[in-house]
Amino acid sequence: MKEKILVVDDDEGVRQVLTQSLQEAGYRVHPAESGEKASAAVREEPFELIILDMVLPRVDGLEVMKEILTLRPEVPVIMITGYASVETAIKAMKMGAADYIVKPFRMEEVELVVAKALERSHLRRENVSLRRQLETHYGVHNIVGQSAEMRRIFQLIEQVASNRSTVLITGASGTGKELVARALHYNGERRARPFVSVNCGGIPDTLLEDELFGHVKGAFTDAVSDRPGRFELADGGTLFLDEIGNMTASLQVKLLRVLQEREFTPLGGTRKIQVDVRIIAATNIDLKRMMDEGRFREDLYYRLNVIHVNLPALRERREDIPLLIQHFMNKYCRDMNVPAKRFTPEALKTLTDFGWPGNVRQLENVIERAVALSFGKVELGREDLPREVVEEGLVEMPPLHVGGDGFSLDEVLAHYEQRMLTQALEHSGWVKTRAAELLKIKRTTLIEKMKRLGIPLKGVPERVPADGEAGGAGDVGDAAPGSPSAN
């Protein structure tokens, strides 16, 4: 159904012409012959647009416009004026009118002005709605947590959101680095401009340069037309470079040049393109260690690390786990259109005690799975949780009673250490370098601990050697750290 328009003019002939013509154009029209009736109509029902004569009996058109805009500030008002009062019409626009038309007018002109005013109004409403949605989805308050560390991060985001300085977000996989990047963008002055994300670890090296900087027609065999890169697409907004530690040395040099000069040249091109882009980078790798090892440029590191946001692992903010559980439970019950559910105290304790090597992302997946497989249950127990969560929870230390027999501290610590190593290895697919990064130890240290604790290096159960067979699983355990069998 077409928009509803209020036409206000004390001249009956003008009022009839406008009403009839706009109705024929498909609009719904409500005529009013005075400012008083116009104000009353605006109070009683909504209008998408108002056409208002500048000269009305008893009340000046500008005063009527002021009252209308006070009641409905989102509704565009088009003023009707004569040749002698164009300056007054311009004054009305400064006061908030959307446009004006001059008597005598042609209806083609009126319909064009009306259509443009309605289009601008629709775009403005859509932008407001989009902004509200973005603030709902990516606002600081959408990041769940009340621990001291998370409160510090919230404060930092609010402080630097409108800053153009480069931000480096660090933290293990699944801690919410992209969520923080989006919160920085959508809470800042660039919120109306693009947020463009690039996963530097998910794109082959040969394609990443083209993805970032684009190419011109003929740059290579398949370049049949110009293609803008992510830097150009993000102009005026934010470019989020995830897994920045996986970028090759040659691309690091080119990225550094863009950060310094704010311009780049597409592949195969000769013309430099200037961009205004805020860079937010993220990594789960220790860039300082990479820098010490010569695998990451020192000058690029300091260019990126102007503002540093370090996200703690979920196990380091356990007080936030119940909040996150409730948040994800509400989310997936709503998404799946099922009644609200809850966990038993035993299930909640199991979830709270688990080590969460996959951090918040892993917790969210577990809650989604539990809701999806609940089959009408309202209260979910330990049986509704994945086996690895139930079986691999944190080790509970045996109570030490005064005068009792005590317990072997070495055995308990070894058992705990074995569980933590196994969790990290399983989470990393038994890639020892990645598991060592999760545990923040050296790879060689991890292998030594695995041998000492009897953890198989290939992620398979140890096999008891047959009679006369030498080595058995021990042969695998003795693999050199650099050999294929040691990953």
Protein backbone atom coordinates (compact mmCIF):
# COMPACT_ATOMS: atom_id res chain seq x y z
CA MET A 1 0.00 0.00 0.00
CA LYS A 2 1.30 3.45 -0.98
CA GLU A 3 2.36 6.03 1.58
CA LYS A 4 -0.14 8.29 3.31
CA ILE A 5 0.28 12.02 2.64
CA LEU A 6 -1.24 14.98 4.50
CA VAL A 7 -2.01 17.96 2.22
CA VAL A 8 -2.51 21.28 4.06
CA ASP A 9 -3.69 24.34 2.08
CA ASP A 10 -6.46 26.84 2.69
CA ASP A 11 -7.02 27.24 -1.09
CA GLU A 12 -9.67 24.67 -1.98
CA GLY A 13 -8.63 24.53 -5.64
CA VAL A 14 -4.96 23.80 -4.80
CA ARG A 15 -6.04 21.31 -2.19
CA GLN A 16 -8.28 19.44 -4.65
CA VAL A 17 -5.65 19.37 -7.43
CA LEU A 18 -2.97 18.01 -5.09
CA THR A 19 -5.33 15.47 -3.55
CA GLN A 20 -6.67 14.14 -6.84
CA SER A 21 -3.29 14.01 -8.61
CA LEU A 22 -1.51 12.29 -5.75
CA GLN A 23 -4.35 9.77 -5.39
CA GLU A 24 -4.04 8.98 -9.10
CA ALA A 25 -0.32 8.44 -8.53
CA GLY A 26 -1.27 5.78 -6.00
CA TYR A 27 -0.81 7.67 -2.72
CA ARG A 28 -3.36 7.82 0.08
CA VAL A 29 -4.17 11.49 0.71
CA HIS A 30 -5.75 13.26 3.68
CA PRO A 31 -6.62 16.95 2.96
CA ALA A 32 -6.74 19.67 5.64
CA GLU A 33 -7.63 23.36 5.15
CA SER A 34 -5.98 24.84 8.25
CA GLY A 35 -2.98 24.52 10.53
CA GLU A 36 -5.18 23.56 13.47
CA LYS A 37 -6.73 20.65 11.56
CA ALA A 38 -3.31 19.58 10.30
CA SER A 39 -1.90 19.44 13.85
CA ALA A 40 -4.95 17.49 15.03
CA ALA A 41 -4.57 15.01 12.15
CA VAL A 42 -0.87 14.46 12.91
CA ARG A 43 -1.73 13.74 16.54
CA GLU A 44 -4.40 11.20 15.59
CA GLU A 45 -2.76 9.16 12.81
CA PRO A 46 0.64 8.54 11.20
CA PHE A 47 1.68 10.11 7.89
CA GLU A 48 4.72 9.33 5.73
CA LEU A 49 4.87 12.87 4.26
CA ILE A 50 3.23 16.29 4.74
CA ILE A 51 2.73 19.00 2.08
CA LEU A 52 2.19 22.30 3.89
CA ASP A 53 1.29 25.74 2.54
CA MET A 54 3.49 28.54 3.84
CA VAL A 55 0.58 31.01 4.21
CA LEU A 56 -2.37 29.81 6.30
CA PRO A 57 -5.15 31.70 8.10
CA ARG A 58 -4.63 32.49 11.80
CA VAL A 59 -1.44 30.39 12.18
CA ASP A 60 1.77 30.93 10.17
CA GLY A 61 2.96 27.92 8.12
CA LEU A 62 6.37 27.96 9.84
CA GLU A 63 4.72 27.69 13.24
CA VAL A 64 2.62 24.75 12.02
CA MET A 65 5.78 23.10 10.67
CA LYS A 66 7.53 23.55 14.02
CA GLU A 67 4.65 21.89 15.83
CA ILE A 68 4.48 19.01 13.32
CA LEU A 69 8.23 18.36 13.55
CA THR A 70 7.97 18.40 17.33
CA LEU A 71 5.22 15.77 17.19
CA ARG A 72 6.70 13.69 14.31
CA PRO A 73 10.37 14.65 13.75
CA GLU A 74 10.89 11.69 11.39
CA VAL A 75 8.18 12.82 8.90
CA PRO A 76 9.41 14.92 5.93
CA VAL A 77 7.60 18.22 5.34
CA ILE A 78 7.42 19.88 1.89
CA MET A 79 6.52 23.59 1.96
CA ILE A 80 4.38 25.33 -0.69
CA THR A 81 5.36 28.94 -1.35
CA GLY A 82 4.92 31.75 -3.89
CA TYR A 83 7.65 33.40 -5.92
CA ALA A 84 7.82 36.33 -3.52
CA SER A 85 8.57 34.13 -0.48
CA VAL A 86 11.30 31.76 -1.73
CA GLU A 87 13.67 33.16 0.89
CA THR A 88 11.18 32.17 3.56
CA ALA A 89 11.01 28.67 2.07
CA ILE A 90 14.80 28.38 2.31
CA LYS A 91 14.51 29.48 5.93
CA ALA A 92 11.96 26.69 6.43
CA MET A 93 14.42 24.14 5.07
CA LYS A 94 17.03 25.36 7.52
CA MET A 95 14.45 24.79 10.23
CA GLY A 96 13.87 21.19 9.13
CA ALA A 97 11.69 21.16 6.01
CA ALA A 98 12.65 18.45 3.51
CA ASP A 99 12.01 20.55 0.36
CA TYR A 100 9.72 23.19 -1.12
CA ILE A 101 7.64 23.78 -4.27
CA VAL A 102 6.78 27.17 -5.77
CA LYS A 103 3.34 28.31 -6.96
CA PRO A 104 2.24 28.06 -9.68
CA PHE A 105 3.52 24.48 -9.96
CA ARG A 106 3.13 21.55 -12.32
CA MET A 107 2.03 18.22 -10.85
CA GLU A 108 4.94 16.42 -12.54
CA GLU A 109 7.26 18.63 -10.47
CA VAL A 110 5.28 17.97 -7.27
CA GLU A 111 5.30 14.19 -7.83
CA LEU A 112 9.07 14.24 -8.39
CA VAL A 113 9.72 16.25 -5.19
CA VAL A 114 7.38 13.95 -3.23
CA ALA A 115 9.07 10.79 -4.55
CA LYS A 116 12.56 12.08 -3.69
CA ALA A 117 11.50 13.18 -0.20
CA LEU A 118 9.92 9.79 0.49
CA GLU A 119 12.99 7.96 -0.82
CA ARG A 120 15.30 9.97 1.44
CA SER A 121 12.95 9.31 4.36
CA HIS A 122 12.94 5.57 3.68
CA LEU A 123 16.74 5.45 3.47
CA ARG A 124 17.03 7.42 6.71
CA ARG A 125 14.66 5.03 8.51
CA GLU A 126 16.49 2.01 7.10
CA ASN A 127 19.83 3.42 8.26
CA VAL A 128 18.44 4.04 11.75
CA SER A 129 17.02 0.52 11.85
CA LEU A 130 20.28 -0.97 10.57
CA ARG A 131 22.27 1.00 13.12
CA ARG A 132 20.06 -0.28 15.93
CA GLN A 133 20.47 -3.85 14.68
CA LEU A 134 24.23 -3.44 14.47
CA GLU A 135 24.39 -1.96 17.95
CA THR A 136 22.27 -4.87 19.19
CA HIS A 137 24.45 -7.50 17.54
CA TYR A 138 27.87 -5.87 17.82
CA GLY A 139 27.63 -3.46 20.73
CA VAL A 140 29.93 -3.78 23.69
CA HIS A 141 27.04 -5.03 25.83
CA ASN A 142 26.59 -8.01 23.50
CA ILE A 143 29.97 -9.34 24.68
CA VAL A 144 29.01 -11.34 27.74
CA GLY A 145 31.10 -11.09 30.87
CA GLN A 146 31.36 -9.38 34.23
CA SER A 147 34.83 -10.47 35.34
CA ALA A 148 37.34 -7.75 36.11
CA GLU A 149 39.34 -8.54 32.97
CA MET A 150 36.29 -8.30 30.70
CA ARG A 151 35.17 -5.05 32.33
CA ARG A 152 38.60 -3.63 31.56
CA ILE A 153 38.23 -4.72 27.93
CA PHE A 154 34.75 -3.13 27.68
CA GLN A 155 36.17 0.14 28.97
CA LEU A 156 39.06 0.00 26.50
CA ILE A 157 36.70 -0.64 23.56
CA GLU A 158 34.58 2.37 24.48
CA GLN A 159 37.67 4.55 24.86
CA VAL A 160 39.26 3.73 21.50
CA ALA A 161 36.25 2.88 19.28
CA SER A 162 36.27 6.29 17.58
CA ASN A 163 40.06 6.43 17.42
CA ARG A 164 41.70 5.73 14.04
CA SER A 165 44.73 4.05 15.66
CA THR A 166 45.53 0.49 14.66
CA VAL A 167 44.43 -2.21 17.11
CA LEU A 168 46.00 -5.62 17.70
CA ILE A 169 43.71 -8.21 19.32
CA THR A 170 45.40 -11.28 20.75
CA GLY A 171 43.97 -14.39 22.36
CA ALA A 172 43.49 -18.11 21.84
CA SER A 173 41.09 -19.47 19.22
CA GLY A 174 37.46 -19.06 20.18
CA THR A 175 37.91 -16.17 22.62
CA GLY A 176 35.88 -13.75 20.47
CA LYS A 177 38.47 -11.66 18.63
CA GLU A 178 36.23 -10.85 15.66
CA LEU A 179 33.36 -9.94 17.99
CA VAL A 180 35.63 -7.38 19.68
CA ALA A 181 36.76 -6.08 16.26
CA ARG A 182 33.15 -5.55 15.19
CA ALA A 183 32.34 -3.87 18.52
CA LEU A 184 35.24 -1.45 17.94
CA HIS A 185 33.91 -0.63 14.47
CA TYR A 186 30.19 -0.35 15.18
CA ASN A 187 30.67 1.69 18.36
CA GLY A 188 32.93 4.20 16.61
CA GLU A 189 32.58 7.04 14.13
CA ARG A 190 33.06 4.65 11.17
CA ARG A 191 29.97 2.59 11.98
CA ALA A 192 28.12 3.77 8.85
CA ARG A 193 31.04 2.74 6.62
CA PRO A 194 32.07 -0.81 5.63
CA PHE A 195 33.50 -3.42 7.98
CA VAL A 196 35.53 -5.79 5.80
CA SER A 197 37.03 -8.99 7.17
CA VAL A 198 39.91 -11.04 5.74
CA ASN A 199 41.12 -14.35 7.17
CA CYS A 200 44.82 -14.29 6.35
CA GLY A 201 45.13 -17.94 7.37
CA GLY A 202 42.22 -19.16 5.26
CA ILE A 203 43.41 -17.84 1.88
CA PRO A 204 46.39 -19.33 0.00
CA ASP A 205 49.45 -17.08 -0.10
CA THR A 206 49.23 -16.71 -3.88
CA LEU A 207 45.66 -15.36 -3.64
CA LEU A 208 45.91 -13.22 -0.51
CA GLU A 209 47.70 -10.33 -2.23
CA ASP A 210 45.00 -10.20 -4.90
CA GLU A 211 42.34 -10.41 -2.17
CA LEU A 212 43.83 -7.47 -0.29
CA PHE A 213 44.84 -5.14 -3.13
CA GLY A 214 42.75 -6.29 -6.10
CA HIS A 215 43.90 -6.33 -9.72
CA VAL A 216 43.41 -4.57 -13.03
CA LYS A 217 42.22 -6.20 -16.24
CA GLY A 218 44.98 -8.27 -17.83
CA ALA A 219 47.09 -8.53 -14.67
CA PHE A 220 47.09 -12.32 -15.17
CA THR A 221 45.37 -14.89 -17.36
CA ASP A 222 42.02 -14.94 -15.58
CA ALA A 223 41.89 -11.19 -14.92
CA VAL A 224 39.14 -10.40 -17.44
CA SER A 225 38.10 -7.20 -15.64
CA ASP A 226 39.21 -4.86 -12.86
CA ARG A 227 38.55 -6.22 -9.37
CA PRO A 228 38.76 -4.07 -6.23
CA GLY A 229 40.57 -5.54 -3.24
CA ARG A 230 39.50 -5.54 0.39
CA PHE A 231 41.44 -2.34 1.13
CA GLU A 232 39.49 -0.44 -1.51
CA LEU A 233 36.18 -1.97 -0.39
CA ALA A 234 36.89 -0.90 3.19
CA ASP A 235 37.67 2.73 2.27
CA GLY A 236 36.32 5.00 4.98
CA GLY A 237 35.66 2.03 7.26
CA THR A 238 37.54 -0.77 8.97
CA LEU A 239 39.61 -3.66 7.61
CA PHE A 240 39.86 -6.63 9.98
CA LEU A 241 42.91 -8.81 9.30
CA ASP A 242 42.36 -12.06 11.17
CA GLU A 243 45.21 -14.54 11.74
CA ILE A 244 47.74 -11.86 10.78
CA GLY A 245 50.58 -14.12 11.97
CA ASN A 246 50.08 -16.35 8.91
CA MET A 247 50.99 -13.58 6.45
CA THR A 248 54.11 -14.24 4.36
CA ALA A 249 57.19 -12.02 4.61
CA SER A 250 56.61 -10.40 1.19
CA LEU A 251 53.03 -9.49 2.06
CA GLN A 252 54.16 -8.14 5.42
CA VAL A 253 56.33 -5.64 3.53
CA LYS A 254 53.42 -4.53 1.33
CA LEU A 255 51.06 -4.23 4.29
CA LEU A 256 53.62 -2.11 6.13
CA ARG A 257 53.87 0.20 3.12
CA VAL A 258 50.09 0.67 3.03
CA LEU A 259 50.01 1.45 6.75
CA GLN A 260 52.75 4.04 6.29
CA GLU A 261 51.62 5.69 3.05
CA ARG A 262 47.84 5.03 3.11
CA GLU A 263 47.97 4.03 -0.55
CA PHE A 264 48.60 0.93 -2.67
CA THR A 265 48.82 -0.27 -6.26
CA PRO A 266 46.54 -3.12 -7.47
CA LEU A 267 48.17 -6.13 -9.12
CA GLY A 268 49.13 -5.27 -12.69
CA GLY A 269 48.27 -1.60 -12.17
CA THR A 270 50.32 1.59 -12.32
CA ARG A 271 47.95 4.02 -10.61
CA LYS A 272 48.15 4.29 -6.83
CA ILE A 273 44.89 4.24 -4.89
CA GLN A 274 44.61 6.24 -1.68
CA VAL A 275 42.46 4.83 1.11
CA ASP A 276 41.29 5.88 4.55
CA VAL A 277 41.08 2.55 6.38
CA ARG A 278 41.38 1.68 10.05
CA ILE A 279 43.26 -1.58 10.53
CA ILE A 280 42.29 -4.05 13.25
CA ALA A 281 44.48 -7.16 13.30
CA ALA A 282 44.05 -10.34 15.32
CA THR A 283 46.15 -13.38 16.04
CA ASN A 284 46.29 -16.44 18.27
CA ILE A 285 50.03 -16.74 17.67
CA ASP A 286 52.77 -15.15 19.78
CA LEU A 287 53.94 -12.43 17.37
CA LYS A 288 56.79 -11.42 19.69
CA ARG A 289 58.22 -14.92 19.49
CA MET A 290 57.76 -14.92 15.70
CA MET A 291 59.54 -11.56 15.62
CA ASP A 292 62.45 -12.94 17.68
CA GLU A 293 62.63 -15.90 15.29
CA GLY A 294 62.71 -13.61 12.27
CA ARG A 295 59.30 -14.73 10.94
CA PHE A 296 57.44 -11.48 11.59
CA ARG A 297 58.73 -7.98 10.85
CA GLU A 298 59.52 -5.90 13.90
CA ASP A 299 58.49 -2.62 12.22
CA LEU A 300 55.12 -4.13 11.19
CA TYR A 301 54.56 -5.51 14.68
CA TYR A 302 54.92 -2.07 16.25
CA ARG A 303 52.74 -0.50 13.53
CA LEU A 304 49.98 -2.97 14.37
CA ASN A 305 50.41 -2.98 18.13
CA VAL A 306 49.44 0.66 18.78
CA ILE A 307 46.47 -0.38 20.93
CA HIS A 308 46.59 -3.91 22.33
CA VAL A 309 43.52 -5.86 23.41
CA ASN A 310 44.35 -9.25 24.95
CA LEU A 311 41.39 -11.60 25.39
CA PRO A 312 41.70 -14.08 28.26
CA ALA A 313 40.99 -17.76 27.80
CA LEU A 314 37.63 -18.89 29.17
CA ARG A 315 39.31 -20.92 31.90
CA GLU A 316 40.88 -17.66 33.12
CA ARG A 317 37.46 -16.04 33.71
CA ARG A 318 35.37 -18.87 35.09
CA GLU A 319 32.97 -16.48 36.82
CA ASP A 320 31.67 -15.58 33.34
CA ILE A 321 30.81 -19.18 32.39
CA PRO A 322 27.33 -19.24 34.03
CA LEU A 323 26.47 -15.94 32.29
CA LEU A 324 27.62 -17.30 28.94
CA ILE A 325 25.66 -20.52 29.46
CA GLN A 326 22.47 -18.56 30.13
CA HIS A 327 23.14 -16.25 27.18
CA PHE A 328 23.61 -19.11 24.70
CA MET A 329 20.75 -21.10 26.21
CA ASN A 330 18.37 -18.16 25.67
CA LYS A 331 19.74 -17.56 22.18
CA TYR A 332 19.31 -21.11 20.89
CA CYS A 333 15.95 -21.70 22.57
CA ARG A 334 14.76 -18.56 20.81
CA ASP A 335 16.38 -19.49 17.47
CA MET A 336 14.94 -23.02 17.55
CA ASN A 337 11.56 -21.78 18.80
CA VAL A 338 11.51 -24.12 21.80
CA PRO A 339 10.50 -23.40 25.43
CA ALA A 340 13.14 -22.05 27.80
CA LYS A 341 15.43 -24.71 29.28
CA ARG A 342 17.85 -24.96 32.17
CA PHE A 343 20.71 -27.17 33.34
CA THR A 344 20.71 -29.20 36.53
CA PRO A 345 23.18 -28.07 39.22
CA GLU A 346 25.36 -31.11 38.41
CA ALA A 347 25.45 -30.23 34.71
CA LEU A 348 26.25 -26.59 35.51
CA LYS A 349 29.14 -27.66 37.74
CA THR A 350 30.46 -29.93 34.98
CA LEU A 351 30.33 -27.09 32.47
CA THR A 352 31.99 -24.70 34.90
CA ASP A 353 34.77 -27.14 35.79
CA PHE A 354 35.63 -28.07 32.20
CA GLY A 355 38.91 -26.67 30.83
CA TRP A 356 37.37 -25.30 27.56
CA PRO A 357 40.40 -25.52 25.27
CA GLY A 358 38.15 -24.16 22.50
CA ASN A 359 37.06 -21.26 24.71
CA VAL A 360 33.74 -19.41 24.20
CA ARG A 361 33.21 -20.86 20.72
CA GLN A 362 33.41 -24.40 22.09
CA LEU A 363 31.03 -23.54 24.94
CA GLU A 364 28.53 -22.08 22.47
CA ASN A 365 28.69 -25.22 20.33
CA VAL A 366 28.07 -27.42 23.38
CA ILE A 367 25.01 -25.38 24.42
CA GLU A 368 23.62 -25.36 20.87
CA ARG A 369 24.04 -29.15 20.68
CA ALA A 370 22.35 -29.65 24.05
CA VAL A 371 19.32 -27.55 23.03
CA ALA A 372 19.05 -29.18 19.60
CA LEU A 373 19.07 -32.71 21.06
CA SER A 374 16.93 -32.00 24.13
CA PHE A 375 13.74 -33.49 22.55
CA GLY A 376 11.25 -31.53 24.65
CA LYS A 377 13.15 -31.76 27.93
CA VAL A 378 13.07 -28.65 30.08
CA GLU A 379 15.85 -29.57 32.48
CA LEU A 380 19.11 -30.79 30.93
CA GLY A 381 21.57 -32.95 32.85
CA ARG A 382 25.08 -34.29 32.45
CA GLU A 383 23.74 -36.92 30.05
CA ASP A 384 22.91 -34.09 27.62
CA LEU A 385 26.54 -32.96 27.46
CA PRO A 386 29.22 -34.34 25.11
CA ARG A 387 31.31 -37.15 26.52
CA GLU A 388 34.55 -35.16 26.36
CA VAL A 389 33.02 -32.46 28.58
CA VAL A 390 31.77 -34.96 31.17
CA GLU A 391 34.91 -37.10 31.18
CA GLU A 392 37.57 -34.44 30.71
CA GLY A 393 36.51 -31.91 33.33
CA LEU A 394 39.08 -30.38 35.59
CA VAL A 395 40.65 -32.79 38.03
CA GLU A 396 39.11 -32.57 41.47
CA MET A 397 41.78 -32.68 44.14
CA PRO A 398 41.18 -35.20 46.90
CA PRO A 399 40.54 -33.59 50.29
CA LEU A 400 43.50 -33.52 52.63
CA HIS A 401 42.32 -34.29 56.17
CA VAL A 402 44.42 -33.41 59.19
CA GLY A 403 45.74 -36.61 60.67
CA GLY A 404 44.74 -38.60 57.58
CA ASP A 405 46.94 -40.59 55.23
CA GLY A 406 47.21 -37.71 52.73
CA PHE A 407 47.81 -38.29 49.03
CA SER A 408 50.67 -38.25 46.54
CA LEU A 409 50.98 -34.69 45.22
CA ASP A 410 53.21 -35.87 42.37
CA GLU A 411 50.61 -38.39 41.19
CA VAL A 412 47.74 -35.88 41.31
CA LEU A 413 49.76 -33.23 39.44
CA ALA A 414 50.89 -35.76 36.86
CA HIS A 415 47.28 -36.88 36.32
CA TYR A 416 46.14 -33.26 35.94
CA GLU A 417 49.03 -32.48 33.58
CA GLN A 418 48.21 -35.53 31.46
CA ARG A 419 44.58 -34.42 31.08
CA MET A 420 45.53 -30.87 30.14
CA LEU A 421 48.05 -32.06 27.53
CA THR A 422 45.54 -34.51 26.07
CA GLN A 423 42.86 -31.81 25.83
CA ALA A 424 45.25 -29.47 24.02
CA LEU A 425 46.38 -32.21 21.63
CA GLU A 426 42.84 -33.27 20.81
CA HIS A 427 41.76 -29.68 20.26
CA SER A 428 44.70 -29.09 17.88
CA GLY A 429 44.19 -32.36 15.97
CA TRP A 430 47.38 -33.73 17.50
CA VAL A 431 49.51 -31.09 15.79
CA LYS A 432 52.14 -30.64 18.46
CA THR A 433 53.25 -27.15 17.45
CA ARG A 434 49.68 -25.87 17.80
CA ALA A 435 49.12 -27.77 21.06
CA ALA A 436 52.32 -26.28 22.49
CA GLU A 437 51.08 -22.79 21.57
CA LEU A 438 47.80 -23.46 23.38
CA LEU A 439 49.72 -24.55 26.46
CA LYS A 440 52.26 -21.72 26.09
CA ILE A 441 55.21 -24.09 26.22
CA LYS A 442 57.90 -25.06 23.72
CA ARG A 443 57.21 -27.89 21.30
CA THR A 444 60.23 -29.82 22.56
CA THR A 445 58.94 -29.44 26.13
CA LEU A 446 55.55 -30.82 25.06
CA ILE A 447 57.17 -33.88 23.46
CA GLU A 448 59.28 -34.52 26.56
CA LYS A 449 56.16 -34.33 28.76
CA MET A 450 54.24 -36.66 26.43
CA LYS A 451 57.02 -39.25 26.64
CA ARG A 452 57.22 -38.93 30.42
CA LEU A 453 53.44 -39.23 30.86
CA GLY A 454 53.02 -42.05 28.36
CA ILE A 455 50.93 -40.04 25.88
CA PRO A 456 51.32 -41.49 22.36
CA LEU A 457 52.92 -39.04 19.96
CA LYS A 458 50.59 -39.93 17.10
CA GLY A 459 47.35 -39.79 19.02
CA VAL A 460 46.81 -43.56 18.91
CA PRO A 461 46.73 -46.00 21.85
CA GLU A 462 50.00 -47.60 22.75
CA ARG A 463 50.36 -51.14 21.46
CA VAL A 464 51.90 -53.86 23.57
CA PRO A 465 54.76 -55.38 21.49
CA ALA A 466 54.50 -59.05 20.63
CA ASP A 467 57.06 -61.53 21.83
CA GLY A 468 60.34 -60.94 20.09
CA GLU A 469 59.17 -57.60 18.68
CA ALA A 470 61.36 -54.71 19.71
CA GLY A 471 60.33 -51.16 20.35
CA GLY A 472 56.51 -51.22 20.00
CA ALA A 473 54.99 -47.88 20.88
CA GLY A 474 58.33 -46.83 22.30
CA ASP A 475 59.71 -46.57 18.77
CA VAL A 476 57.13 -43.92 18.02
CA GLY A 477 57.88 -42.15 21.26
CA ASP A 478 61.55 -41.96 20.38
CA ALA A 479 60.89 -40.14 17.11
CA ALA A 480 63.04 -37.07 16.69
CA PRO A 481 61.23 -33.77 17.12
CA GLY A 482 61.84 -32.82 13.51
CA SER A 483 60.77 -36.15 12.01
CA PRO A 484 57.39 -36.65 10.29
CA SER A 485 56.23 -39.10 12.92
CA ALA A 486 56.61 -36.37 15.54
CA ASN A 487 54.39 -33.95 13.56
